[in-house]
């Protein structure tokens, strides 16, 4: 499953597989940006769930707007590419 964080205001986005290890997510955000304020967790999905439980939303690092979170299954990703 692919998870994507999207800002409708400034079109910033970040995506990764839900089971991507947290250390890899942090490295990618440091190296490539954008830097989203996420909580501790073992995986990308865990990090998102933890921040939503504690803060209720994830904010865009550029404009401060709440970002949308979308999930796509492998089948949905393949359908988008055809």
Protein backbone atom coordinates (compact mmCIF):
# COMPACT_ATOMS: atom_id res chain seq x y z
CA UNK A 1 0.00 0.00 0.00
CA UNK A 2 1.32 3.44 -1.00
CA UNK A 3 0.56 6.36 1.34
CA UNK A 4 0.77 9.96 0.14
CA UNK A 5 0.61 13.26 2.01
CA UNK A 6 -0.71 16.10 -0.20
CA UNK A 7 -1.17 19.83 0.34
CA UNK A 8 -3.98 21.28 -1.78
CA UNK A 9 -2.70 24.84 -1.23
CA UNK A 10 0.91 24.60 -2.39
CA UNK A 11 0.90 21.15 -4.04
CA UNK A 12 3.66 19.78 -1.81
CA UNK A 13 3.53 16.01 -1.53
CA UNK A 14 5.42 13.07 -0.09
CA UNK A 15 4.72 9.38 -0.65
CA UNK A 16 6.10 6.02 0.37
CA UNK A 17 4.96 2.48 0.94
CA UNK A 18 3.05 2.18 4.22
CA UNK A 19 5.55 -0.36 5.57
CA UNK A 20 8.66 1.73 4.78
CA UNK A 21 10.87 1.83 7.90
CA UNK A 22 10.74 5.09 9.85
CA UNK A 23 14.50 5.65 9.53
CA UNK A 24 14.22 5.56 5.73
CA UNK A 25 11.33 8.05 5.79
CA UNK A 26 13.31 10.48 7.94
CA UNK A 27 16.37 10.10 5.69
CA UNK A 28 14.27 10.80 2.58
CA UNK A 29 12.68 13.88 4.14
CA UNK A 30 16.11 15.19 5.19
CA UNK A 31 17.71 14.48 1.81
CA UNK A 32 14.86 15.34 -0.56
CA UNK A 33 12.27 17.24 1.48
CA UNK A 34 9.64 18.18 2.26
CA UNK A 35 10.01 17.76 6.03
CA UNK A 36 6.62 16.82 7.47
CA UNK A 37 6.24 16.82 11.25
CA UNK A 38 5.54 13.15 11.98
CA UNK A 39 5.50 11.23 15.26
CA UNK A 40 7.59 8.25 16.31
CA UNK A 41 6.74 4.87 14.85
CA UNK A 42 8.27 1.77 13.31
CA UNK A 43 6.91 2.44 9.80
CA UNK A 44 5.58 5.36 7.72
CA UNK A 45 2.02 4.25 8.50
CA UNK A 46 2.80 4.06 12.24
CA UNK A 47 4.28 7.57 12.15
CA UNK A 48 1.17 8.97 10.46
CA UNK A 49 -1.23 7.19 12.83
CA UNK A 50 0.69 8.43 15.88
CA UNK A 51 0.66 12.07 14.80
CA UNK A 52 -3.04 11.92 13.93
CA UNK A 53 -3.81 10.48 17.37
CA UNK A 54 -1.79 13.18 19.14
CA UNK A 55 -2.45 16.26 16.96
CA UNK A 56 -5.43 15.35 14.82
CA UNK A 57 -3.78 16.44 11.56
CA UNK A 58 -0.51 16.76 9.71
CA UNK A 59 0.39 20.26 8.59
CA UNK A 60 2.18 21.27 5.40
CA UNK A 61 5.71 22.47 6.19
CA UNK A 62 5.40 25.25 3.58
CA UNK A 63 2.02 26.87 4.21
CA UNK A 64 0.75 25.27 7.44
CA UNK A 65 -2.47 23.92 5.94
CA UNK A 66 -3.68 20.48 6.96
CA UNK A 67 -2.61 17.91 4.36
CA UNK A 68 -4.75 15.16 2.93
CA UNK A 69 -3.67 11.56 3.32
CA UNK A 70 -4.40 9.07 0.58
CA UNK A 71 -3.72 5.36 0.39
CA UNK A 72 -3.53 3.34 -2.78
CA UNK A 73 -3.33 -0.40 -3.08
CA UNK A 74 -0.97 -1.94 -5.65
CA UNK A 75 -3.97 -2.59 -7.94
CA UNK A 76 -5.00 1.09 -7.80
CA UNK A 77 -1.43 2.17 -8.58
CA UNK A 78 -1.33 -0.14 -11.61
CA UNK A 79 -4.68 1.18 -12.85
CA UNK A 80 -3.38 4.78 -12.64
CA UNK A 81 -0.37 3.88 -14.75
CA UNK A 82 -2.29 2.31 -17.61
